[in-house]
PDB file of all heavy atoms in Angstrom:
ATOM      1  N   GLN A   1     -78.566 -30.227 151.786  1.00  0.00           N
ATOM      2  CA  GLN A   1     -80.000 -29.919 151.483  1.00  0.00           C
ATOM      3  C   GLN A   1     -80.902 -30.300 152.686  1.00  0.00           C
ATOM      4  O   GLN A   1     -82.192 -29.983 152.539  1.00  0.00           O
ATOM      5  CB  GLN A   1     -80.406 -30.786 150.259  1.00  0.00           C
ATOM      6  CG  GLN A   1     -79.724 -30.341 149.053  1.00  0.00           C
ATOM      7  CD  GLN A   1     -80.118 -31.246 147.827  1.00  0.00           C
ATOM      8  OE1 GLN A   1     -79.371 -32.039 147.383  1.00  0.00           O
ATOM      9  NE2 GLN A   1     -81.373 -31.100 147.272  1.00  0.00           N
ATOM     10  N   ALA A   2     -80.355 -30.797 153.828  1.00  0.00           N
ATOM     11  CA  ALA A   2     -81.294 -31.168 154.872  1.00  0.00           C
ATOM     12  C   ALA A   2     -80.454 -31.025 156.199  1.00  0.00           C
ATOM     13  O   ALA A   2     -79.271 -31.258 156.226  1.00  0.00           O
ATOM     14  CB  ALA A   2     -81.730 -32.580 154.752  1.00  0.00           C
ATOM     15  N   VAL A   3     -81.090 -30.711 157.209  1.00  0.00           N
ATOM     16  CA  VAL A   3     -80.516 -30.459 158.475  1.00  0.00           C
ATOM     17  C   VAL A   3     -81.187 -31.448 159.619  1.00  0.00           C
ATOM     18  O   VAL A   3     -82.404 -31.396 159.636  1.00  0.00           O
ATOM     19  CB  VAL A   3     -80.662 -29.106 159.076  1.00  0.00           C
ATOM     20  CG1 VAL A   3     -80.085 -28.961 160.481  1.00  0.00           C
ATOM     21  CG2 VAL A   3     -80.098 -28.063 158.221  1.00  0.00           C
ATOM     22  N   HIS A   4     -80.425 -32.260 160.119  1.00  0.00           N
ATOM     23  CA  HIS A   4     -80.951 -33.209 161.151  1.00  0.00           C
ATOM     24  C   HIS A   4     -80.834 -32.513 162.618  1.00  0.00           C
ATOM     25  O   HIS A   4     -80.237 -31.591 162.780  1.00  0.00           O
ATOM     26  CB  HIS A   4     -80.098 -34.492 161.091  1.00  0.00           C
ATOM     27  CG  HIS A   4     -80.349 -35.374 159.978  1.00  0.00           C
ATOM     28  ND1 HIS A   4     -79.573 -35.194 158.775  1.00  0.00           N
ATOM     29  CD2 HIS A   4     -81.323 -36.420 159.695  1.00  0.00           C
ATOM     30  CE1 HIS A   4     -80.040 -35.986 157.910  1.00  0.00           C
ATOM     31  NE2 HIS A   4     -81.049 -36.742 158.404  1.00  0.00           N
ATOM     32  N   GLY A   5     -81.511 -33.130 163.562  1.00  0.00           N
ATOM     33  CA  GLY A   5     -81.390 -32.650 164.899  1.00  0.00           C
ATOM     34  C   GLY A   5     -82.663 -32.755 165.646  1.00  0.00           C
ATOM     35  O   GLY A   5     -83.653 -33.468 165.329  1.00  0.00           O
ATOM     36  N   VAL A   6     -82.629 -32.056 166.867  1.00  0.00           N
ATOM     37  CA  VAL A   6     -83.674 -32.036 167.914  1.00  0.00           C
ATOM     38  C   VAL A   6     -83.847 -30.562 168.347  1.00  0.00           C
ATOM     39  O   VAL A   6     -82.886 -30.065 168.703  1.00  0.00           O
ATOM     40  CB  VAL A   6     -83.466 -33.084 169.013  1.00  0.00           C
ATOM     41  CG1 VAL A   6     -84.545 -33.014 170.012  1.00  0.00           C
ATOM     42  CG2 VAL A   6     -83.293 -34.429 168.520  1.00  0.00           C
ATOM     43  N   PRO A   7     -84.989 -30.174 168.422  1.00  0.00           N
ATOM     44  CA  PRO A   7     -85.140 -28.682 168.884  1.00  0.00           C
ATOM     45  C   PRO A   7     -84.960 -28.638 170.463  1.00  0.00           C
ATOM     46  O   PRO A   7     -85.282 -29.661 171.104  1.00  0.00           O
ATOM     47  CB  PRO A   7     -86.682 -28.397 168.537  1.00  0.00           C
ATOM     48  CG  PRO A   7     -87.355 -29.682 168.476  1.00  0.00           C
ATOM     49  CD  PRO A   7     -86.338 -30.635 167.954  1.00  0.00           C
ATOM     50  N   GLY A   8     -84.524 -27.624 170.949  1.00  0.00           N
ATOM     51  CA  GLY A   8     -84.340 -27.235 172.315  1.00  0.00           C
ATOM     52  C   GLY A   8     -84.503 -25.840 172.539  1.00  0.00           C
ATOM     53  O   GLY A   8     -84.255 -24.960 171.632  1.00  0.00           O
ATOM     54  N   ASP A   9     -84.692 -25.406 173.737  1.00  0.00           N
ATOM     55  CA  ASP A   9     -84.968 -24.012 173.980  1.00  0.00           C
ATOM     56  C   ASP A   9     -83.837 -23.081 173.672  1.00  0.00           C
ATOM     57  O   ASP A   9     -84.040 -21.873 173.275  1.00  0.00           O
ATOM     58  CB  ASP A   9     -85.431 -23.694 175.462  1.00  0.00           C
ATOM     59  CG  ASP A   9     -84.491 -24.305 176.437  1.00  0.00           C
ATOM     60  OD1 ASP A   9     -83.474 -25.038 176.100  1.00  0.00           O
ATOM     61  OD2 ASP A   9     -84.703 -24.015 177.644  1.00  0.00           O
ATOM     62  N   TYR A  10     -82.676 -23.537 173.743  1.00  0.00           N
ATOM     63  CA  TYR A  10     -81.526 -22.667 173.218  1.00  0.00           C
ATOM     64  C   TYR A  10     -81.251 -22.638 171.699  1.00  0.00           C
ATOM     65  O   TYR A  10     -80.377 -21.832 171.320  1.00  0.00           O
ATOM     66  CB  TYR A  10     -80.143 -23.046 174.010  1.00  0.00           C
ATOM     67  CG  TYR A  10     -80.234 -22.923 175.478  1.00  0.00           C
ATOM     68  CD1 TYR A  10     -79.925 -24.049 176.295  1.00  0.00           C
ATOM     69  CD2 TYR A  10     -80.615 -21.732 176.040  1.00  0.00           C
ATOM     70  CE1 TYR A  10     -79.935 -23.841 177.624  1.00  0.00           C
ATOM     71  CE2 TYR A  10     -80.494 -21.652 177.407  1.00  0.00           C
ATOM     72  CZ  TYR A  10     -80.211 -22.626 178.244  1.00  0.00           C
ATOM     73  OH  TYR A  10     -80.309 -22.578 179.564  1.00  0.00           O
ATOM     74  N   ASN A  11     -81.884 -23.422 171.014  1.00  0.00           N
ATOM     75  CA  ASN A  11     -81.738 -23.454 169.549  1.00  0.00           C
ATOM     76  C   ASN A  11     -82.942 -23.065 168.741  1.00  0.00           C
ATOM     77  O   ASN A  11     -82.941 -23.057 167.467  1.00  0.00           O
ATOM     78  CB  ASN A  11     -81.035 -24.719 168.994  1.00  0.00           C
ATOM     79  CG  ASN A  11     -82.107 -25.968 169.120  1.00  0.00           C
ATOM     80  OD1 ASN A  11     -83.173 -25.838 169.053  1.00  0.00           O
ATOM     81  ND2 ASN A  11     -81.399 -27.074 169.213  1.00  0.00           N
ATOM     82  N   LEU A  12     -84.116 -22.862 169.461  1.00  0.00           N
ATOM     83  CA  LEU A  12     -85.338 -22.822 168.774  1.00  0.00           C
ATOM     84  C   LEU A  12     -85.406 -21.500 167.723  1.00  0.00           C
ATOM     85  O   LEU A  12     -85.975 -21.621 166.689  1.00  0.00           O
ATOM     86  CB  LEU A  12     -86.500 -22.600 169.763  1.00  0.00           C
ATOM     87  CG  LEU A  12     -87.015 -23.818 170.443  1.00  0.00           C
ATOM     88  CD1 LEU A  12     -87.963 -23.551 171.559  1.00  0.00           C
ATOM     89  CD2 LEU A  12     -87.542 -24.875 169.500  1.00  0.00           C
ATOM     90  N   LEU A  13     -84.784 -20.380 168.179  1.00  0.00           N
ATOM     91  CA  LEU A  13     -84.771 -19.233 167.296  1.00  0.00           C
ATOM     92  C   LEU A  13     -84.113 -19.550 165.992  1.00  0.00           C
ATOM     93  O   LEU A  13     -84.630 -19.012 164.974  1.00  0.00           O
ATOM     94  CB  LEU A  13     -84.132 -18.080 168.048  1.00  0.00           C
ATOM     95  CG  LEU A  13     -84.807 -17.495 169.150  1.00  0.00           C
ATOM     96  CD1 LEU A  13     -83.897 -16.359 169.921  1.00  0.00           C
ATOM     97  CD2 LEU A  13     -86.217 -16.901 168.885  1.00  0.00           C
ATOM     98  N   MET A  14     -83.116 -20.284 165.924  1.00  0.00           N
ATOM     99  CA  MET A  14     -82.282 -20.462 164.710  1.00  0.00           C
ATOM    100  C   MET A  14     -83.165 -21.451 163.678  1.00  0.00           C
ATOM    101  O   MET A  14     -82.906 -21.535 162.603  1.00  0.00           O
ATOM    102  CB  MET A  14     -80.893 -21.035 164.954  1.00  0.00           C
ATOM    103  CG  MET A  14     -80.873 -22.412 165.469  1.00  0.00           C
ATOM    104  SD  MET A  14     -79.128 -23.074 165.391  1.00  0.00           S
ATOM    105  CE  MET A  14     -78.520 -22.247 166.903  1.00  0.00           C
ATOM    106  N   MET A  15     -84.061 -22.258 164.409  1.00  0.00           N
ATOM    107  CA  MET A  15     -84.876 -23.179 163.550  1.00  0.00           C
ATOM    108  C   MET A  15     -85.721 -22.487 162.419  1.00  0.00           C
ATOM    109  O   MET A  15     -85.763 -23.113 161.395  1.00  0.00           O
ATOM    110  CB  MET A  15     -85.779 -23.981 164.449  1.00  0.00           C
ATOM    111  CG  MET A  15     -85.033 -24.900 165.488  1.00  0.00           C
ATOM    112  SD  MET A  15     -84.297 -26.383 164.661  1.00  0.00           S
ATOM    113  CE  MET A  15     -83.799 -27.263 166.113  1.00  0.00           C
ATOM    114  N   ASP A  16     -86.053 -21.280 162.848  1.00  0.00           N
ATOM    115  CA  ASP A  16     -86.848 -20.533 161.918  1.00  0.00           C
ATOM    116  C   ASP A  16     -86.164 -20.170 160.567  1.00  0.00           C
ATOM    117  O   ASP A  16     -86.795 -19.783 159.581  1.00  0.00           O
ATOM    118  CB  ASP A  16     -87.433 -19.326 162.511  1.00  0.00           C
ATOM    119  CG  ASP A  16     -88.332 -19.549 163.629  1.00  0.00           C
ATOM    120  OD1 ASP A  16     -88.981 -20.648 163.650  1.00  0.00           O
ATOM    121  OD2 ASP A  16     -88.491 -18.713 164.523  1.00  0.00           O
ATOM    122  N   TYR A  17     -84.870 -20.278 160.537  1.00  0.00           N
ATOM    123  CA  TYR A  17     -84.044 -19.867 159.377  1.00  0.00           C
ATOM    124  C   TYR A  17     -83.715 -21.086 158.426  1.00  0.00           C
ATOM    125  O   TYR A  17     -83.046 -20.783 157.453  1.00  0.00           O
ATOM    126  CB  TYR A  17     -82.703 -19.182 159.904  1.00  0.00           C
ATOM    127  CG  TYR A  17     -82.938 -17.800 160.493  1.00  0.00           C
ATOM    128  CD1 TYR A  17     -83.227 -17.802 161.834  1.00  0.00           C
ATOM    129  CD2 TYR A  17     -82.927 -16.653 159.819  1.00  0.00           C
ATOM    130  CE1 TYR A  17     -83.442 -16.649 162.591  1.00  0.00           C
ATOM    131  CE2 TYR A  17     -83.214 -15.466 160.403  1.00  0.00           C
ATOM    132  CZ  TYR A  17     -83.366 -15.472 161.875  1.00  0.00           C
ATOM    133  OH  TYR A  17     -83.687 -14.264 162.469  1.00  0.00           O
ATOM    134  N   ILE A  18     -84.047 -22.269 158.937  1.00  0.00           N
ATOM    135  CA  ILE A  18     -83.695 -23.424 158.095  1.00  0.00           C
ATOM    136  C   ILE A  18     -84.427 -23.499 156.802  1.00  0.00           C
ATOM    137  O   ILE A  18     -83.880 -23.518 155.740  1.00  0.00           O
ATOM    138  CB  ILE A  18     -83.851 -24.708 158.990  1.00  0.00           C
ATOM    139  CG1 ILE A  18     -82.799 -24.748 160.113  1.00  0.00           C
ATOM    140  CG2 ILE A  18     -83.602 -25.980 158.059  1.00  0.00           C
ATOM    141  CD1 ILE A  18     -83.029 -25.880 161.082  1.00  0.00           C
ATOM    142  N   ALA A  19     -85.679 -23.505 156.760  1.00  0.00           N
ATOM    143  CA  ALA A  19     -86.494 -23.661 155.597  1.00  0.00           C
ATOM    144  C   ALA A  19     -86.342 -22.513 154.614  1.00  0.00           C
ATOM    145  O   ALA A  19     -86.182 -22.751 153.382  1.00  0.00           O
ATOM    146  CB  ALA A  19     -87.902 -23.912 155.971  1.00  0.00           C
ATOM    147  N   PRO A  20     -86.198 -21.316 155.045  1.00  0.00           N
ATOM    148  CA  PRO A  20     -86.033 -20.206 154.191  1.00  0.00           C
ATOM    149  C   PRO A  20     -84.749 -20.255 153.474  1.00  0.00           C
ATOM    150  O   PRO A  20     -84.688 -19.539 152.306  1.00  0.00           O
ATOM    151  CB  PRO A  20     -86.162 -18.909 155.019  1.00  0.00           C
ATOM    152  CG  PRO A  20     -87.019 -19.419 156.251  1.00  0.00           C
ATOM    153  CD  PRO A  20     -86.642 -20.735 156.487  1.00  0.00           C
ATOM    154  N   ALA A  21     -83.748 -20.993 153.873  1.00  0.00           N
ATOM    155  CA  ALA A  21     -82.473 -21.141 153.330  1.00  0.00           C
ATOM    156  C   ALA A  21     -82.548 -22.232 152.287  1.00  0.00           C
ATOM    157  O   ALA A  21     -81.488 -22.556 151.592  1.00  0.00           O
ATOM    158  CB  ALA A  21     -81.378 -21.327 154.401  1.00  0.00           C
ATOM    159  N   GLY A  22     -83.596 -22.802 152.148  1.00  0.00           N
ATOM    160  CA  GLY A  22     -83.709 -23.963 151.104  1.00  0.00           C
ATOM    161  C   GLY A  22     -83.334 -25.253 151.668  1.00  0.00           C
ATOM    162  O   GLY A  22     -83.124 -26.245 150.924  1.00  0.00           O
ATOM    163  N   LEU A  23     -83.339 -25.384 152.927  1.00  0.00           N
ATOM    164  CA  LEU A  23     -82.991 -26.658 153.659  1.00  0.00           C
ATOM    165  C   LEU A  23     -84.243 -27.308 154.299  1.00  0.00           C
ATOM    166  O   LEU A  23     -85.286 -26.603 154.662  1.00  0.00           O
ATOM    167  CB  LEU A  23     -82.009 -26.330 154.722  1.00  0.00           C
ATOM    168  CG  LEU A  23     -80.675 -25.764 154.298  1.00  0.00           C
ATOM    169  CD1 LEU A  23     -79.820 -25.315 155.527  1.00  0.00           C
ATOM    170  CD2 LEU A  23     -79.837 -26.759 153.476  1.00  0.00           C
ATOM    171  N   GLU A  24     -84.210 -28.556 154.219  1.00  0.00           N
ATOM    172  CA  GLU A  24     -85.276 -29.478 154.865  1.00  0.00           C
ATOM    173  C   GLU A  24     -84.882 -29.709 156.227  1.00  0.00           C
ATOM    174  O   GLU A  24     -83.914 -30.181 156.578  1.00  0.00           O
ATOM    175  CB  GLU A  24     -85.563 -30.693 154.141  1.00  0.00           C
ATOM    176  CG  GLU A  24     -86.699 -31.568 154.601  1.00  0.00           C
ATOM    177  CD  GLU A  24     -86.916 -32.820 153.895  1.00  0.00           C
ATOM    178  OE1 GLU A  24     -86.125 -33.140 152.913  1.00  0.00           O
ATOM    179  OE2 GLU A  24     -87.893 -33.587 154.225  1.00  0.00           O
ATOM    180  N   TRP A  25     -85.936 -29.639 157.294  1.00  0.00           N
ATOM    181  CA  TRP A  25     -85.662 -29.848 158.557  1.00  0.00           C
ATOM    182  C   TRP A  25     -86.043 -31.370 158.825  1.00  0.00           C
ATOM    183  O   TRP A  25     -87.227 -31.820 158.542  1.00  0.00           O
ATOM    184  CB  TRP A  25     -86.426 -29.060 159.537  1.00  0.00           C
ATOM    185  CG  TRP A  25     -86.396 -29.499 160.992  1.00  0.00           C
ATOM    186  CD1 TRP A  25     -87.560 -30.032 161.622  1.00  0.00           C
ATOM    187  CD2 TRP A  25     -85.311 -29.622 161.878  1.00  0.00           C
ATOM    188  NE1 TRP A  25     -87.208 -30.364 162.887  1.00  0.00           N
ATOM    189  CE2 TRP A  25     -85.853 -30.151 163.144  1.00  0.00           C
ATOM    190  CE3 TRP A  25     -83.988 -29.216 161.759  1.00  0.00           C
ATOM    191  CZ2 TRP A  25     -84.981 -30.333 164.243  1.00  0.00           C
ATOM    192  CZ3 TRP A  25     -83.155 -29.500 162.833  1.00  0.00           C
ATOM    193  CH2 TRP A  25     -83.642 -30.008 164.068  1.00  0.00           C
ATOM    194  N   ILE A  26     -85.147 -32.166 159.350  1.00  0.00           N
ATOM    195  CA  ILE A  26     -85.465 -33.590 159.713  1.00  0.00           C
ATOM    196  C   ILE A  26     -85.458 -33.641 161.174  1.00  0.00           C
ATOM    197  O   ILE A  26     -84.325 -33.809 161.882  1.00  0.00           O
ATOM    198  CB  ILE A  26     -84.325 -34.516 159.093  1.00  0.00           C
ATOM    199  CG1 ILE A  26     -84.119 -34.269 157.627  1.00  0.00           C
ATOM    200  CG2 ILE A  26     -84.808 -35.982 159.337  1.00  0.00           C
ATOM    201  CD1 ILE A  26     -85.375 -34.397 156.694  1.00  0.00           C
ATOM    202  N   GLY A  27     -86.452 -33.695 161.777  1.00  0.00           N
ATOM    203  CA  GLY A  27     -86.499 -33.848 163.344  1.00  0.00           C
ATOM    204  C   GLY A  27     -86.383 -35.264 163.699  1.00  0.00           C
ATOM    205  O   GLY A  27     -87.154 -36.171 163.372  1.00  0.00           O
ATOM    206  N   ASN A  28     -85.289 -35.549 164.405  1.00  0.00           N
ATOM    207  CA  ASN A  28     -84.992 -37.017 164.846  1.00  0.00           C
ATOM    208  C   ASN A  28     -85.596 -37.207 166.102  1.00  0.00           C
ATOM    209  O   ASN A  28     -85.972 -36.371 166.878  1.00  0.00           O
ATOM    210  CB  ASN A  28     -83.522 -37.207 164.755  1.00  0.00           C
ATOM    211  CG  ASN A  28     -82.976 -37.047 163.394  1.00  0.00           C
ATOM    212  OD1 ASN A  28     -82.435 -35.993 162.900  1.00  0.00           O
ATOM    213  ND2 ASN A  28     -83.006 -38.115 162.540  1.00  0.00           N
ATOM    214  N   CYS A  29     -85.494 -38.553 166.529  1.00  0.00           N
ATOM    215  CA  CYS A  29     -86.188 -38.924 167.873  1.00  0.00           C
ATOM    216  C   CYS A  29     -85.278 -38.549 169.035  1.00  0.00           C
ATOM    217  O   CYS A  29     -85.739 -38.451 170.111  1.00  0.00           O
ATOM    218  CB  CYS A  29     -86.441 -40.409 167.841  1.00  0.00           C
ATOM    219  SG  CYS A  29     -87.723 -40.767 166.561  1.00  0.00           S
ATOM    220  N   ASN A  30     -83.985 -38.470 168.758  1.00  0.00           N
ATOM    221  CA  ASN A  30     -83.034 -38.030 169.827  1.00  0.00           C
ATOM    222  C   ASN A  30     -81.688 -37.659 169.170  1.00  0.00           C
ATOM    223  O   ASN A  30     -81.550 -37.815 167.932  1.00  0.00           O
ATOM    224  CB  ASN A  30     -82.816 -39.189 170.818  1.00  0.00           C
ATOM    225  CG  ASN A  30     -82.199 -40.508 170.254  1.00  0.00           C
ATOM    226  OD1 ASN A  30     -81.121 -40.391 169.553  1.00  0.00           O
ATOM    227  ND2 ASN A  30     -82.833 -41.645 170.528  1.00  0.00           N
ATOM    228  N   GLU A  31     -80.846 -36.975 169.925  1.00  0.00           N
ATOM    229  CA  GLU A  31     -79.729 -36.368 169.297  1.00  0.00           C
ATOM    230  C   GLU A  31     -78.701 -37.285 168.865  1.00  0.00           C
ATOM    231  O   GLU A  31     -78.001 -37.225 167.856  1.00  0.00           O
ATOM    232  CB  GLU A  31     -79.087 -35.447 170.313  1.00  0.00           C
ATOM    233  CG  GLU A  31     -79.864 -34.239 170.599  1.00  0.00           C
ATOM    234  CD  GLU A  31     -80.884 -34.382 171.816  1.00  0.00           C
ATOM    235  OE1 GLU A  31     -81.104 -35.492 172.224  1.00  0.00           O
ATOM    236  OE2 GLU A  31     -81.534 -33.392 172.184  1.00  0.00           O
ATOM    237  N   LEU A  32     -78.613 -38.502 169.540  1.00  0.00           N
ATOM    238  CA  LEU A  32     -77.638 -39.602 169.069  1.00  0.00           C
ATOM    239  C   LEU A  32     -78.097 -40.079 167.718  1.00  0.00           C
ATOM    240  O   LEU A  32     -77.086 -40.098 166.766  1.00  0.00           O
ATOM    241  CB  LEU A  32     -77.653 -40.729 170.084  1.00  0.00           C
ATOM    242  CG  LEU A  32     -76.798 -41.922 169.629  1.00  0.00           C
ATOM    243  CD1 LEU A  32     -75.341 -41.535 169.526  1.00  0.00           C
ATOM    244  CD2 LEU A  32     -76.997 -43.087 170.715  1.00  0.00           C
TER     245      LEU A  32
END
């Protein structure tokens, strides 16, 4: 129901598909 992570230029396009799939984006402070 939720996706953790950190945005970066190679993954930004896929970020737009998280919320429409019914998932919550949890932006963390770093990848670790």
